[in-house]
Amino acid sequence: MQARLASETDLAGFREEARSLLAHQVPPEQVDWLTAHNSDQFAEVIPSDARGSRHVPRAAMAIVPASFLRLCEIVVLHRDPKRFALLYRLLWRLVHEPGLRGDPIDADMLAAQQMGQAVRRDLHKIKAFLRLRPVTGGNDTSQPLNLAWFEPSHHIVEAAAPWFVRRFAQQRWAILTPERSARWTPVSDKLEFGPGPAGASHHMPHPDDDFLLEAYRSVFGARDGH
């Protein structure tokens, strides 16, 4: 059985799918989690009415701790393709194995916590080491354009971008990575996201201004004067 998610960081979609699967008593080993990134064409999804008719009581759902929901928010940003399967397995076990909450060395919980720690380290790195720099070129000279190239280990661009908005609220900037990009335009008070630049890859040498500007244009050029 396949559970379809709209993107690599589709937390809302994961929660909706997991809630439906859990309500219909679908065990973790019967679910194949797919994202738009790892499947060019989704296979047919089995309708919910074919998953069974038994529902999890409200009391059972209530035992899922808030700390697990917070853990989900950070773990979905990890690059491991098995992260959604791990989270659903933990959700299933939290409902069906009451003792799991008190087990400090459970292998699944430890794996999820380690994923969360790795994502937090990556978020710290982008905030500590990313450097925006002004570039010249293009038609729009009304406000300087500041660009940065960064290669995160995990899917953190959208989670980190609001921090840069707060720090550089008066600057016009864009962060470019191999898989995801973000830009902020203070005049319109708009934070936008797009794909990685065309032809970009990991382990790029230190990019010069020409590369940054061309990368920016490949993502946002159709919507911008640059």
N, C-alpha and C. Protein backbone atom coordinates (compact mmCIF):
# COMPACT_ATOMS: atom_id res chain seq x y z
N MET A 1 0.85 -1.18 0.00
CA MET A 1 0.00 0.00 0.00
C MET A 1 0.88 1.23 0.00
N GLN A 2 0.53 2.21 -0.80
CA GLN A 2 1.36 3.39 -0.94
C GLN A 2 0.69 4.62 -0.35
N ALA A 3 1.50 5.39 0.37
CA ALA A 3 1.06 6.67 0.93
C ALA A 3 1.79 7.77 0.18
N ARG A 4 1.05 8.68 -0.41
CA ARG A 4 1.61 9.71 -1.28
C ARG A 4 1.79 11.03 -0.54
N LEU A 5 2.98 11.61 -0.66
CA LEU A 5 3.27 12.91 -0.07
C LEU A 5 3.66 13.88 -1.18
N ALA A 6 3.31 15.14 -1.00
CA ALA A 6 3.49 16.12 -2.06
C ALA A 6 4.93 16.57 -2.24
N SER A 7 5.75 16.45 -1.19
CA SER A 7 7.14 16.91 -1.27
C SER A 7 7.96 16.17 -0.23
N GLU A 8 9.27 16.47 -0.24
CA GLU A 8 10.17 15.83 0.72
C GLU A 8 9.91 16.28 2.15
N THR A 9 9.25 17.40 2.33
CA THR A 9 9.02 17.93 3.68
C THR A 9 7.53 18.11 3.97
N ASP A 10 6.71 17.26 3.39
CA ASP A 10 5.25 17.39 3.50
C ASP A 10 4.76 16.85 4.83
N LEU A 11 4.97 17.63 5.89
CA LEU A 11 4.54 17.20 7.22
C LEU A 11 3.03 17.09 7.32
N ALA A 12 2.32 18.08 6.77
CA ALA A 12 0.85 18.03 6.82
C ALA A 12 0.33 16.79 6.11
N GLY A 13 0.91 16.47 4.95
CA GLY A 13 0.49 15.29 4.22
C GLY A 13 0.80 14.02 4.98
N PHE A 14 1.96 13.98 5.62
CA PHE A 14 2.30 12.80 6.43
C PHE A 14 1.31 12.61 7.57
N ARG A 15 0.97 13.69 8.26
CA ARG A 15 0.06 13.56 9.38
C ARG A 15 -1.32 13.10 8.91
N GLU A 16 -1.75 13.62 7.77
CA GLU A 16 -3.07 13.22 7.26
C GLU A 16 -3.07 11.75 6.86
N GLU A 17 -2.03 11.34 6.12
CA GLU A 17 -1.95 9.94 5.70
C GLU A 17 -1.80 9.02 6.90
N ALA A 18 -0.95 9.39 7.85
CA ALA A 18 -0.73 8.55 9.01
C ALA A 18 -2.00 8.41 9.84
N ARG A 19 -2.73 9.51 9.98
CA ARG A 19 -3.98 9.45 10.74
C ARG A 19 -4.98 8.50 10.07
N SER A 20 -5.08 8.57 8.73
CA SER A 20 -5.99 7.69 8.00
C SER A 20 -5.55 6.23 8.10
N LEU A 21 -4.26 5.99 7.92
CA LEU A 21 -3.74 4.62 8.00
C LEU A 21 -3.96 4.04 9.39
N LEU A 22 -3.68 4.85 10.40
CA LEU A 22 -3.85 4.38 11.76
C LEU A 22 -5.31 4.11 12.07
N ALA A 23 -6.18 4.98 11.60
CA ALA A 23 -7.61 4.80 11.84
C ALA A 23 -8.13 3.52 11.22
N HIS A 24 -7.51 3.09 10.10
CA HIS A 24 -7.93 1.87 9.42
C HIS A 24 -7.04 0.67 9.75
N GLN A 25 -6.25 0.83 10.82
CA GLN A 25 -5.46 -0.28 11.35
C GLN A 25 -4.52 -0.89 10.31
N VAL A 26 -3.86 -0.06 9.52
CA VAL A 26 -2.90 -0.54 8.53
C VAL A 26 -1.53 -0.59 9.21
N PRO A 27 -0.93 -1.77 9.38
CA PRO A 27 0.35 -1.86 10.07
C PRO A 27 1.48 -1.25 9.25
N PRO A 28 2.54 -0.81 9.90
CA PRO A 28 3.63 -0.11 9.21
C PRO A 28 4.26 -0.90 8.08
N GLU A 29 4.40 -2.19 8.26
CA GLU A 29 5.08 -3.00 7.23
C GLU A 29 4.29 -3.10 5.94
N GLN A 30 3.06 -2.65 5.93
CA GLN A 30 2.25 -2.71 4.72
C GLN A 30 2.21 -1.37 3.96
N VAL A 31 2.96 -0.39 4.43
CA VAL A 31 2.90 0.95 3.84
C VAL A 31 4.22 1.30 3.16
N ASP A 32 4.13 1.77 1.94
CA ASP A 32 5.28 2.27 1.19
C ASP A 32 5.11 3.78 1.03
N TRP A 33 6.00 4.55 1.65
CA TRP A 33 5.88 6.01 1.63
C TRP A 33 6.60 6.58 0.42
N LEU A 34 5.90 7.38 -0.37
CA LEU A 34 6.44 7.99 -1.58
C LEU A 34 6.33 9.51 -1.51
N THR A 35 7.35 10.19 -2.01
CA THR A 35 7.29 11.64 -2.14
C THR A 35 7.40 12.00 -3.61
N ALA A 36 7.07 13.24 -3.93
CA ALA A 36 7.14 13.69 -5.32
C ALA A 36 8.56 13.59 -5.85
N HIS A 37 9.55 13.65 -4.95
CA HIS A 37 10.95 13.59 -5.39
C HIS A 37 11.37 12.19 -5.80
N ASN A 38 10.91 11.16 -5.06
CA ASN A 38 11.41 9.82 -5.34
C ASN A 38 10.48 8.99 -6.21
N SER A 39 9.45 9.61 -6.77
CA SER A 39 8.58 8.87 -7.69
C SER A 39 8.08 9.82 -8.76
N ASP A 40 8.49 9.60 -10.00
CA ASP A 40 8.05 10.46 -11.09
C ASP A 40 6.57 10.31 -11.36
N GLN A 41 6.07 9.14 -11.13
CA GLN A 41 4.65 8.89 -11.35
C GLN A 41 4.14 8.01 -10.23
N PHE A 42 3.26 8.53 -9.42
CA PHE A 42 2.76 7.75 -8.30
C PHE A 42 1.89 6.61 -8.79
N ALA A 43 2.10 5.46 -8.18
CA ALA A 43 1.22 4.33 -8.48
C ALA A 43 -0.15 4.60 -7.85
N GLU A 44 -1.10 3.83 -8.27
CA GLU A 44 -2.46 4.02 -7.77
C GLU A 44 -2.49 3.83 -6.26
N VAL A 45 -3.12 4.75 -5.59
CA VAL A 45 -3.25 4.70 -4.14
C VAL A 45 -4.54 3.98 -3.78
N ILE A 46 -4.42 3.02 -2.90
CA ILE A 46 -5.60 2.26 -2.50
C ILE A 46 -6.54 3.16 -1.71
N PRO A 47 -7.80 3.25 -2.10
CA PRO A 47 -8.72 4.15 -1.40
C PRO A 47 -8.90 3.75 0.05
N SER A 48 -9.25 4.75 0.86
CA SER A 48 -9.34 4.51 2.29
C SER A 48 -10.40 3.49 2.64
N ASP A 49 -11.47 3.41 1.84
CA ASP A 49 -12.53 2.47 2.20
C ASP A 49 -12.11 1.03 1.95
N ALA A 50 -10.96 0.82 1.30
CA ALA A 50 -10.46 -0.53 1.09
C ALA A 50 -9.47 -0.94 2.16
N ARG A 51 -9.20 -0.04 3.10
CA ARG A 51 -8.20 -0.32 4.13
C ARG A 51 -8.80 -0.97 5.37
N GLY A 52 -10.08 -1.12 5.40
CA GLY A 52 -10.71 -1.70 6.57
C GLY A 52 -11.70 -0.73 7.17
N SER A 53 -12.41 -1.17 8.16
CA SER A 53 -13.47 -0.34 8.72
C SER A 53 -13.29 -0.07 10.20
N ARG A 54 -12.25 -0.64 10.81
CA ARG A 54 -12.06 -0.43 12.24
C ARG A 54 -11.35 0.90 12.47
N HIS A 55 -11.80 1.63 13.46
CA HIS A 55 -11.21 2.92 13.76
C HIS A 55 -10.52 2.88 15.11
N VAL A 56 -9.44 3.62 15.23
CA VAL A 56 -8.75 3.72 16.50
C VAL A 56 -9.56 4.62 17.43
N PRO A 57 -9.84 4.18 18.65
CA PRO A 57 -10.60 5.03 19.57
C PRO A 57 -9.88 6.34 19.84
N ARG A 58 -10.67 7.36 20.17
CA ARG A 58 -10.08 8.66 20.50
C ARG A 58 -9.09 8.54 21.65
N ALA A 59 -9.37 7.68 22.61
CA ALA A 59 -8.47 7.52 23.75
C ALA A 59 -7.11 7.02 23.31
N ALA A 60 -7.09 6.14 22.31
CA ALA A 60 -5.82 5.63 21.82
C ALA A 60 -5.01 6.73 21.15
N MET A 61 -5.67 7.57 20.37
CA MET A 61 -4.97 8.67 19.71
C MET A 61 -4.43 9.66 20.75
N ALA A 62 -5.11 9.79 21.85
CA ALA A 62 -4.72 10.77 22.86
C ALA A 62 -3.41 10.41 23.55
N ILE A 63 -2.98 9.14 23.46
CA ILE A 63 -1.76 8.75 24.16
C ILE A 63 -0.50 9.18 23.42
N VAL A 64 -0.62 9.65 22.18
CA VAL A 64 0.56 10.10 21.44
C VAL A 64 1.05 11.40 22.08
N PRO A 65 2.26 11.43 22.61
CA PRO A 65 2.72 12.62 23.34
C PRO A 65 3.04 13.77 22.40
N ALA A 66 2.91 14.99 22.93
CA ALA A 66 3.24 16.17 22.14
C ALA A 66 4.70 16.18 21.73
N SER A 67 5.56 15.59 22.54
CA SER A 67 6.98 15.54 22.20
C SER A 67 7.22 14.75 20.91
N PHE A 68 6.40 13.75 20.65
CA PHE A 68 6.55 12.99 19.41
C PHE A 68 6.14 13.84 18.21
N LEU A 69 5.09 14.62 18.37
CA LEU A 69 4.67 15.50 17.27
C LEU A 69 5.76 16.52 16.94
N ARG A 70 6.43 17.04 17.98
CA ARG A 70 7.54 17.96 17.75
C ARG A 70 8.71 17.24 17.08
N LEU A 71 8.93 15.99 17.45
CA LEU A 71 9.99 15.21 16.83
C LEU A 71 9.70 15.00 15.34
N CYS A 72 8.44 14.77 15.01
CA CYS A 72 8.06 14.61 13.60
C CYS A 72 8.42 15.85 12.80
N GLU A 73 8.18 17.03 13.36
CA GLU A 73 8.43 18.28 12.65
C GLU A 73 9.87 18.40 12.21
N ILE A 74 10.80 17.90 13.01
CA ILE A 74 12.22 18.02 12.68
C ILE A 74 12.72 16.84 11.86
N VAL A 75 12.20 15.64 12.13
CA VAL A 75 12.69 14.45 11.44
C VAL A 75 12.29 14.44 9.97
N VAL A 76 11.14 15.00 9.62
CA VAL A 76 10.74 15.02 8.21
C VAL A 76 11.71 15.82 7.36
N LEU A 77 12.55 16.66 7.97
CA LEU A 77 13.53 17.43 7.22
C LEU A 77 14.80 16.63 6.92
N HIS A 78 14.92 15.45 7.50
CA HIS A 78 16.10 14.62 7.28
C HIS A 78 16.10 14.06 5.87
N ARG A 79 17.29 13.72 5.37
CA ARG A 79 17.41 13.22 4.00
C ARG A 79 17.14 11.72 3.88
N ASP A 80 17.13 11.00 4.96
CA ASP A 80 16.94 9.55 4.91
C ASP A 80 15.58 9.22 4.29
N PRO A 81 15.54 8.46 3.19
CA PRO A 81 14.26 8.16 2.54
C PRO A 81 13.34 7.29 3.40
N LYS A 82 13.86 6.70 4.46
CA LYS A 82 13.05 5.83 5.32
C LYS A 82 12.47 6.58 6.52
N ARG A 83 12.63 7.89 6.55
CA ARG A 83 12.20 8.64 7.74
C ARG A 83 10.70 8.58 7.95
N PHE A 84 9.90 8.65 6.88
CA PHE A 84 8.44 8.61 7.06
C PHE A 84 7.99 7.24 7.54
N ALA A 85 8.63 6.19 7.03
CA ALA A 85 8.31 4.84 7.50
C ALA A 85 8.65 4.69 8.98
N LEU A 86 9.79 5.25 9.39
CA LEU A 86 10.18 5.19 10.80
C LEU A 86 9.18 5.93 11.67
N LEU A 87 8.77 7.12 11.25
CA LEU A 87 7.83 7.90 12.06
C LEU A 87 6.47 7.22 12.16
N TYR A 88 6.00 6.63 11.07
CA TYR A 88 4.71 5.95 11.15
C TYR A 88 4.82 4.71 12.03
N ARG A 89 5.94 4.01 11.94
CA ARG A 89 6.13 2.84 12.80
C ARG A 89 6.13 3.25 14.27
N LEU A 90 6.76 4.36 14.57
CA LEU A 90 6.75 4.85 15.95
C LEU A 90 5.35 5.26 16.38
N LEU A 91 4.61 5.93 15.50
CA LEU A 91 3.24 6.31 15.82
C LEU A 91 2.39 5.08 16.11
N TRP A 92 2.52 4.09 15.25
CA TRP A 92 1.78 2.83 15.45
C TRP A 92 2.14 2.21 16.80
N ARG A 93 3.40 2.18 17.12
CA ARG A 93 3.84 1.55 18.36
C ARG A 93 3.42 2.36 19.58
N LEU A 94 3.43 3.69 19.46
CA LEU A 94 2.99 4.50 20.59
C LEU A 94 1.53 4.23 20.94
N VAL A 95 0.73 3.95 19.91
CA VAL A 95 -0.68 3.64 20.14
C VAL A 95 -0.86 2.22 20.68
N HIS A 96 -0.07 1.28 20.16
CA HIS A 96 -0.29 -0.13 20.48
C HIS A 96 0.66 -0.69 21.55
N GLU A 97 1.71 0.05 21.88
CA GLU A 97 2.66 -0.40 22.90
C GLU A 97 2.82 0.70 23.94
N PRO A 98 1.98 0.73 24.94
CA PRO A 98 2.02 1.81 25.93
C PRO A 98 3.38 1.97 26.61
N GLY A 99 4.14 0.89 26.72
CA GLY A 99 5.42 0.98 27.41
C GLY A 99 6.50 1.70 26.64
N LEU A 100 6.27 1.99 25.37
CA LEU A 100 7.30 2.61 24.55
C LEU A 100 7.69 3.99 25.07
N ARG A 101 6.73 4.73 25.60
CA ARG A 101 7.02 6.09 26.07
C ARG A 101 8.07 6.10 27.16
N GLY A 102 8.15 5.02 27.93
CA GLY A 102 9.10 4.98 29.04
C GLY A 102 10.36 4.23 28.75
N ASP A 103 10.60 3.87 27.49
CA ASP A 103 11.79 3.09 27.12
C ASP A 103 12.86 4.03 26.57
N PRO A 104 13.92 4.30 27.34
CA PRO A 104 14.92 5.28 26.90
C PRO A 104 15.89 4.74 25.85
N ILE A 105 15.89 3.43 25.60
CA ILE A 105 16.86 2.86 24.66
C ILE A 105 16.17 2.13 23.50
N ASP A 106 14.93 2.44 23.23
CA ASP A 106 14.25 1.82 22.10
C ASP A 106 14.97 2.20 20.80
N ALA A 107 15.23 1.21 19.95
CA ALA A 107 16.03 1.44 18.74
C ALA A 107 15.35 2.42 17.78
N ASP A 108 14.04 2.30 17.59
CA ASP A 108 13.34 3.21 16.68
C ASP A 108 13.36 4.63 17.20
N MET A 109 13.09 4.79 18.49
CA MET A 109 13.07 6.14 19.06
C MET A 109 14.45 6.77 19.02
N LEU A 110 15.48 5.98 19.31
CA LEU A 110 16.83 6.49 19.25
C LEU A 110 17.20 6.92 17.82
N ALA A 111 16.78 6.12 16.83
CA ALA A 111 17.06 6.47 15.43
C ALA A 111 16.40 7.79 15.06
N ALA A 112 15.15 7.98 15.48
CA ALA A 112 14.44 9.23 15.17
C ALA A 112 15.10 10.41 15.87
N GLN A 113 15.51 10.23 17.11
CA GLN A 113 16.16 11.31 17.84
C GLN A 113 17.50 11.68 17.21
N GLN A 114 18.24 10.68 16.72
CA GLN A 114 19.51 10.95 16.05
C GLN A 114 19.27 11.73 14.75
N MET A 115 18.21 11.38 14.02
CA MET A 115 17.86 12.14 12.82
C MET A 115 17.56 13.59 13.19
N GLY A 116 16.81 13.78 14.26
CA GLY A 116 16.48 15.13 14.69
C GLY A 116 17.72 15.92 15.05
N GLN A 117 18.68 15.29 15.73
CA GLN A 117 19.91 15.97 16.09
C GLN A 117 20.71 16.37 14.85
N ALA A 118 20.73 15.48 13.84
CA ALA A 118 21.46 15.79 12.60
C ALA A 118 20.84 16.99 11.89
N VAL A 119 19.51 17.05 11.87
CA VAL A 119 18.84 18.19 11.23
C VAL A 119 19.12 19.47 12.00
N ARG A 120 19.10 19.41 13.30
CA ARG A 120 19.38 20.61 14.11
C ARG A 120 20.80 21.10 13.87
N ARG A 121 21.75 20.17 13.73
CA ARG A 121 23.12 20.58 13.43
C ARG A 121 23.18 21.28 12.07
N ASP A 122 22.44 20.76 11.10
CA ASP A 122 22.43 21.35 9.77
C ASP A 122 21.81 22.75 9.80
N LEU A 123 20.75 22.92 10.58
CA LEU A 123 20.14 24.24 10.73
C LEU A 123 21.11 25.22 11.39
N HIS A 124 21.87 24.74 12.36
CA HIS A 124 22.87 25.60 12.98
C HIS A 124 23.93 26.00 11.97
N LYS A 125 24.37 25.06 11.14
CA LYS A 125 25.43 25.35 10.16
C LYS A 125 24.99 26.42 9.15
N ILE A 126 23.77 26.30 8.63
CA ILE A 126 23.35 27.28 7.62
C ILE A 126 23.24 28.67 8.24
N LYS A 127 22.83 28.75 9.50
CA LYS A 127 22.71 30.05 10.16
C LYS A 127 24.08 30.61 10.52
N ALA A 128 25.02 29.73 10.85
CA ALA A 128 26.32 30.19 11.31
C ALA A 128 27.28 30.50 10.16
N PHE A 129 27.19 29.74 9.07
CA PHE A 129 28.23 29.80 8.05
C PHE A 129 27.78 30.39 6.71
N LEU A 130 26.49 30.47 6.46
CA LEU A 130 26.06 31.04 5.19
C LEU A 130 26.36 32.53 5.17
N ARG A 131 26.93 32.99 4.05
CA ARG A 131 27.26 34.39 3.90
C ARG A 131 26.62 34.95 2.63
N LEU A 132 25.74 35.92 2.80
CA LEU A 132 25.16 36.62 1.66
C LEU A 132 26.16 37.65 1.15
N ARG A 133 26.24 37.81 -0.17
CA ARG A 133 27.11 38.83 -0.71
C ARG A 133 26.44 39.51 -1.89
N PRO A 134 26.66 40.81 -2.03
CA PRO A 134 26.01 41.54 -3.13
C PRO A 134 26.61 41.15 -4.48
N VAL A 135 25.75 41.05 -5.48
CA VAL A 135 26.20 40.78 -6.85
C VAL A 135 25.65 41.87 -7.75
N THR A 136 26.33 42.10 -8.84
CA THR A 136 25.89 43.12 -9.80
C THR A 136 25.53 42.46 -11.10
N GLY A 137 24.68 43.13 -11.87
CA GLY A 137 24.24 42.60 -13.14
C GLY A 137 22.73 42.60 -13.22
N GLY A 138 22.21 42.50 -14.43
CA GLY A 138 20.78 42.49 -14.61
C GLY A 138 20.22 43.88 -14.75
N ASN A 139 18.93 43.96 -14.77
CA ASN A 139 18.26 45.23 -15.08
C ASN A 139 17.75 45.97 -13.85
N ASP A 140 17.51 45.21 -12.79
CA ASP A 140 16.91 45.84 -11.61
C ASP A 140 18.01 46.39 -10.70
N THR A 141 18.19 47.67 -10.67
CA THR A 141 19.20 48.30 -9.82
C THR A 141 18.56 49.11 -8.70
N SER A 142 17.28 48.93 -8.49
CA SER A 142 16.59 49.71 -7.46
C SER A 142 17.02 49.31 -6.07
N GLN A 143 17.46 48.07 -5.90
CA GLN A 143 17.90 47.59 -4.59
C GLN A 143 18.94 46.51 -4.82
N PRO A 144 20.06 46.54 -4.08
CA PRO A 144 21.10 45.53 -4.27
C PRO A 144 20.55 44.12 -4.05
N LEU A 145 21.10 43.18 -4.80
CA LEU A 145 20.72 41.78 -4.67
C LEU A 145 21.85 41.03 -3.99
N ASN A 146 21.54 40.38 -2.87
CA ASN A 146 22.52 39.60 -2.12
C ASN A 146 22.24 38.12 -2.30
N LEU A 147 23.27 37.37 -2.68
CA LEU A 147 23.09 35.96 -2.98
C LEU A 147 24.05 35.11 -2.16
N ALA A 148 23.65 33.87 -1.94
CA ALA A 148 24.51 32.92 -1.24
C ALA A 148 24.26 31.53 -1.79
N TRP A 149 25.33 30.75 -1.84
CA TRP A 149 25.25 29.33 -2.22
C TRP A 149 25.54 28.51 -0.98
N PHE A 150 24.71 27.48 -0.75
CA PHE A 150 24.90 26.61 0.41
C PHE A 150 24.50 25.20 0.03
N GLU A 151 25.20 24.21 0.60
CA GLU A 151 24.90 22.81 0.32
C GLU A 151 24.51 22.12 1.63
N PRO A 152 23.25 22.18 1.99
CA PRO A 152 22.82 21.54 3.24
C PRO A 152 22.84 20.02 3.12
N SER A 153 22.95 19.38 4.25
CA SER A 153 22.90 17.92 4.27
C SER A 153 21.47 17.40 4.26
N HIS A 154 20.53 18.23 4.68
CA HIS A 154 19.14 17.80 4.79
C HIS A 154 18.22 18.86 4.17
N HIS A 155 16.93 18.62 4.23
CA HIS A 155 15.94 19.47 3.57
C HIS A 155 15.53 20.64 4.48
N ILE A 156 16.45 21.58 4.68
CA ILE A 156 16.24 22.58 5.72
C ILE A 156 15.98 23.99 5.20
N VAL A 157 16.00 24.20 3.89
CA VAL A 157 15.94 25.57 3.37
C VAL A 157 14.67 26.29 3.83
N GLU A 158 13.53 25.65 3.68
CA GLU A 158 12.28 26.32 4.04
C GLU A 158 12.17 26.53 5.54
N ALA A 159 12.75 25.63 6.33
CA ALA A 159 12.71 25.80 7.78
C ALA A 159 13.65 26.92 8.24
N ALA A 160 14.77 27.10 7.53
CA ALA A 160 15.75 28.11 7.94
C ALA A 160 15.43 29.50 7.41
N ALA A 161 14.73 29.59 6.29
CA ALA A 161 14.52 30.88 5.62
C ALA A 161 13.90 31.95 6.52
N PRO A 162 12.88 31.65 7.34
CA PRO A 162 12.32 32.71 8.18
C PRO A 162 13.34 33.35 9.12
N TRP A 163 14.33 32.60 9.55
CA TRP A 163 15.39 33.16 10.41
C TRP A 163 16.16 34.22 9.65
N PHE A 164 16.46 33.96 8.37
CA PHE A 164 17.18 34.94 7.56
C PHE A 164 16.30 36.16 7.26
N VAL A 165 15.01 35.93 7.13
CA VAL A 165 14.10 37.07 6.94
C VAL A 165 14.19 38.01 8.15
N ARG A 166 14.15 37.45 9.34
CA ARG A 166 14.23 38.28 10.54
C ARG A 166 15.58 39.00 10.64
N ARG A 167 16.64 38.32 10.26
CA ARG A 167 17.97 38.90 10.41
C ARG A 167 18.28 39.92 9.31
N PHE A 168 17.80 39.65 8.11
CA PHE A 168 18.11 40.53 6.97
C PHE A 168 16.82 41.06 6.35
N ALA A 169 15.96 41.59 7.20
CA ALA A 169 14.62 42.00 6.76
C ALA A 169 14.65 43.12 5.76
N GLN A 170 15.68 43.97 5.79
CA GLN A 170 15.72 45.14 4.90
C GLN A 170 16.52 44.88 3.63
N GLN A 171 17.09 43.69 3.50
CA GLN A 171 17.89 43.37 2.32
C GLN A 171 17.11 42.49 1.34
N ARG A 172 17.44 42.63 0.10
CA ARG A 172 16.90 41.76 -0.95
C ARG A 172 17.91 40.64 -1.18
N TRP A 173 17.47 39.39 -0.92
CA TRP A 173 18.44 38.30 -0.96
C TRP A 173 17.81 37.00 -1.47
N ALA A 174 18.70 36.07 -1.81
CA ALA A 174 18.27 34.73 -2.19
C ALA A 174 19.33 33.73 -1.73
N ILE A 175 18.86 32.59 -1.27
CA ILE A 175 19.72 31.47 -0.88
C ILE A 175 19.51 30.36 -1.91
N LEU A 176 20.59 29.93 -2.52
CA LEU A 176 20.53 28.91 -3.56
C LEU A 176 21.21 27.65 -3.08
N THR A 177 20.55 26.52 -3.24
CA THR A 177 21.13 25.22 -2.90
C THR A 177 20.86 24.26 -4.05
N PRO A 178 21.50 23.11 -4.07
CA PRO A 178 21.31 22.19 -5.19
C PRO A 178 19.86 21.75 -5.41
N GLU A 179 19.05 21.71 -4.35
CA GLU A 179 17.71 21.15 -4.48
C GLU A 179 16.59 22.14 -4.19
N ARG A 180 16.87 23.22 -3.48
CA ARG A 180 15.81 24.14 -3.08
C ARG A 180 16.40 25.54 -2.96
N SER A 181 15.61 26.53 -3.29
CA SER A 181 16.06 27.92 -3.21
C SER A 181 15.01 28.76 -2.51
N ALA A 182 15.47 29.87 -1.94
CA ALA A 182 14.57 30.80 -1.26
C ALA A 182 14.99 32.22 -1.58
N ARG A 183 14.03 33.13 -1.68
CA ARG A 183 14.38 34.54 -1.84
C ARG A 183 13.42 35.42 -1.05
N TRP A 184 13.94 36.56 -0.64
CA TRP A 184 13.18 37.53 0.14
C TRP A 184 13.24 38.87 -0.56
N THR A 185 12.06 39.48 -0.72
CA THR A 185 11.95 40.80 -1.33
C THR A 185 11.28 41.73 -0.34
N PRO A 186 12.04 42.59 0.33
CA PRO A 186 11.44 43.42 1.39
C PRO A 186 10.39 44.40 0.89
N VAL A 187 10.53 44.90 -0.35
CA VAL A 187 9.56 45.85 -0.87
C VAL A 187 8.16 45.26 -0.89
N SER A 188 8.07 44.00 -1.29
CA SER A 188 6.76 43.32 -1.35
C SER A 188 6.49 42.47 -0.12
N ASP A 189 7.46 42.44 0.83
CA ASP A 189 7.30 41.65 2.04
C ASP A 189 6.97 40.20 1.70
N LYS A 190 7.76 39.63 0.78
CA LYS A 190 7.41 38.32 0.25
C LYS A 190 8.61 37.37 0.35
N LEU A 191 8.36 36.20 0.95
CA LEU A 191 9.33 35.10 0.98
C LEU A 191 8.86 34.04 0.01
N GLU A 192 9.70 33.69 -0.95
CA GLU A 192 9.34 32.74 -2.00
C GLU A 192 10.32 31.58 -2.01
N PHE A 193 9.84 30.43 -2.51
CA PHE A 193 10.67 29.24 -2.64
C PHE A 193 10.60 28.71 -4.06
N GLY A 194 11.69 28.10 -4.48
CA GLY A 194 11.75 27.51 -5.81
C GLY A 194 12.68 26.32 -5.80
N PRO A 195 12.87 25.68 -6.94
CA PRO A 195 13.76 24.52 -7.02
C PRO A 195 15.22 24.94 -6.94
N GLY A 196 16.11 23.97 -6.98
CA GLY A 196 17.53 24.28 -7.09
C GLY A 196 17.83 24.82 -8.48
N PRO A 197 18.93 25.53 -8.65
CA PRO A 197 19.28 26.08 -9.96
C PRO A 197 19.49 24.99 -10.99
N ALA A 198 19.16 25.30 -12.23
CA ALA A 198 19.34 24.34 -13.31
C ALA A 198 20.80 23.94 -13.42
N GLY A 199 21.05 22.64 -13.46
CA GLY A 199 22.40 22.14 -13.64
C GLY A 199 23.26 22.14 -12.40
N ALA A 200 22.74 22.59 -11.27
CA ALA A 200 23.53 22.63 -10.04
C ALA A 200 23.65 21.25 -9.43
N SER A 201 24.70 21.04 -8.68
CA SER A 201 24.92 19.75 -8.02
C SER A 201 25.66 20.00 -6.72
N HIS A 202 25.76 18.96 -5.91
CA HIS A 202 26.52 19.06 -4.67
C HIS A 202 28.02 19.11 -4.96
N HIS A 203 28.78 19.56 -3.96
CA HIS A 203 30.24 19.63 -4.04
C HIS A 203 30.70 20.59 -5.13
N MET A 204 29.97 21.70 -5.27
CA MET A 204 30.38 22.73 -6.20
C MET A 204 31.59 23.47 -5.64
N PRO A 205 32.53 23.92 -6.50
CA PRO A 205 33.60 24.79 -6.01
C PRO A 205 33.02 26.12 -5.56
N HIS A 206 33.82 26.91 -4.91
CA HIS A 206 33.34 28.20 -4.43
C HIS A 206 32.79 29.01 -5.60
N PRO A 207 31.51 29.28 -5.61
CA PRO A 207 30.90 29.95 -6.78
C PRO A 207 31.28 31.42 -6.84
N ASP A 208 31.50 31.90 -8.06
CA ASP A 208 31.76 33.33 -8.24
C ASP A 208 30.44 34.05 -8.49
N ASP A 209 30.52 35.36 -8.66
CA ASP A 209 29.31 36.15 -8.83
C ASP A 209 28.54 35.76 -10.10
N ASP A 210 29.27 35.44 -11.16
CA ASP A 210 28.60 35.06 -12.41
C ASP A 210 27.77 33.80 -12.21
N PHE A 211 28.34 32.83 -11.51
CA PHE A 211 27.59 31.60 -11.24
C PHE A 211 26.36 31.89 -10.40
N LEU A 212 26.53 32.68 -9.35
CA LEU A 212 25.40 32.98 -8.47
C LEU A 212 24.29 33.69 -9.22
N LEU A 213 24.65 34.66 -10.04
CA LEU A 213 23.63 35.41 -10.76
C LEU A 213 22.91 34.54 -11.77
N GLU A 214 23.66 33.68 -12.47
CA GLU A 214 23.03 32.79 -13.43
C GLU A 214 22.15 31.76 -12.73
N ALA A 215 22.61 31.26 -11.59
CA ALA A 215 21.80 30.33 -10.81
C ALA A 215 20.51 30.99 -10.34
N TYR A 216 20.63 32.24 -9.88
CA TYR A 216 19.45 32.97 -9.44
C TYR A 216 18.46 33.15 -10.58
N ARG A 217 18.96 33.53 -11.75
CA ARG A 217 18.09 33.73 -12.90
C ARG A 217 17.39 32.42 -13.29
N SER A 218 18.09 31.30 -13.18
CA SER A 218 17.49 30.03 -13.59
C SER A 218 16.32 29.64 -12.70
N VAL A 219 16.30 30.15 -11.49
CA VAL A 219 15.22 29.83 -10.56
C VAL A 219 14.15 30.91 -10.56
N PHE A 220 14.57 32.17 -10.42
CA PHE A 220 13.62 33.27 -10.22
C PHE A 220 13.58 34.28 -11.36
N GLY A 221 14.42 34.08 -12.39
CA GLY A 221 14.56 35.11 -13.43
C GLY A 221 13.30 35.47 -14.14
N ALA A 222 12.42 34.47 -14.38
CA ALA A 222 11.18 34.75 -15.11
C ALA A 222 10.25 35.66 -14.33
N ARG A 223 10.52 35.79 -13.01
CA ARG A 223 9.64 36.60 -12.16
C ARG A 223 10.35 37.83 -11.63
N ASP A 224 11.52 38.14 -12.21
CA ASP A 224 12.32 39.18 -11.62
C ASP A 224 13.04 39.97 -12.69
N GLY A 225 13.40 41.20 -12.38
CA GLY A 225 14.12 42.03 -13.32
C GLY A 225 15.55 41.62 -13.54
N HIS A 226 16.13 40.86 -12.59
CA HIS A 226 17.50 40.41 -12.76
C HIS A 226 17.57 39.29 -13.77
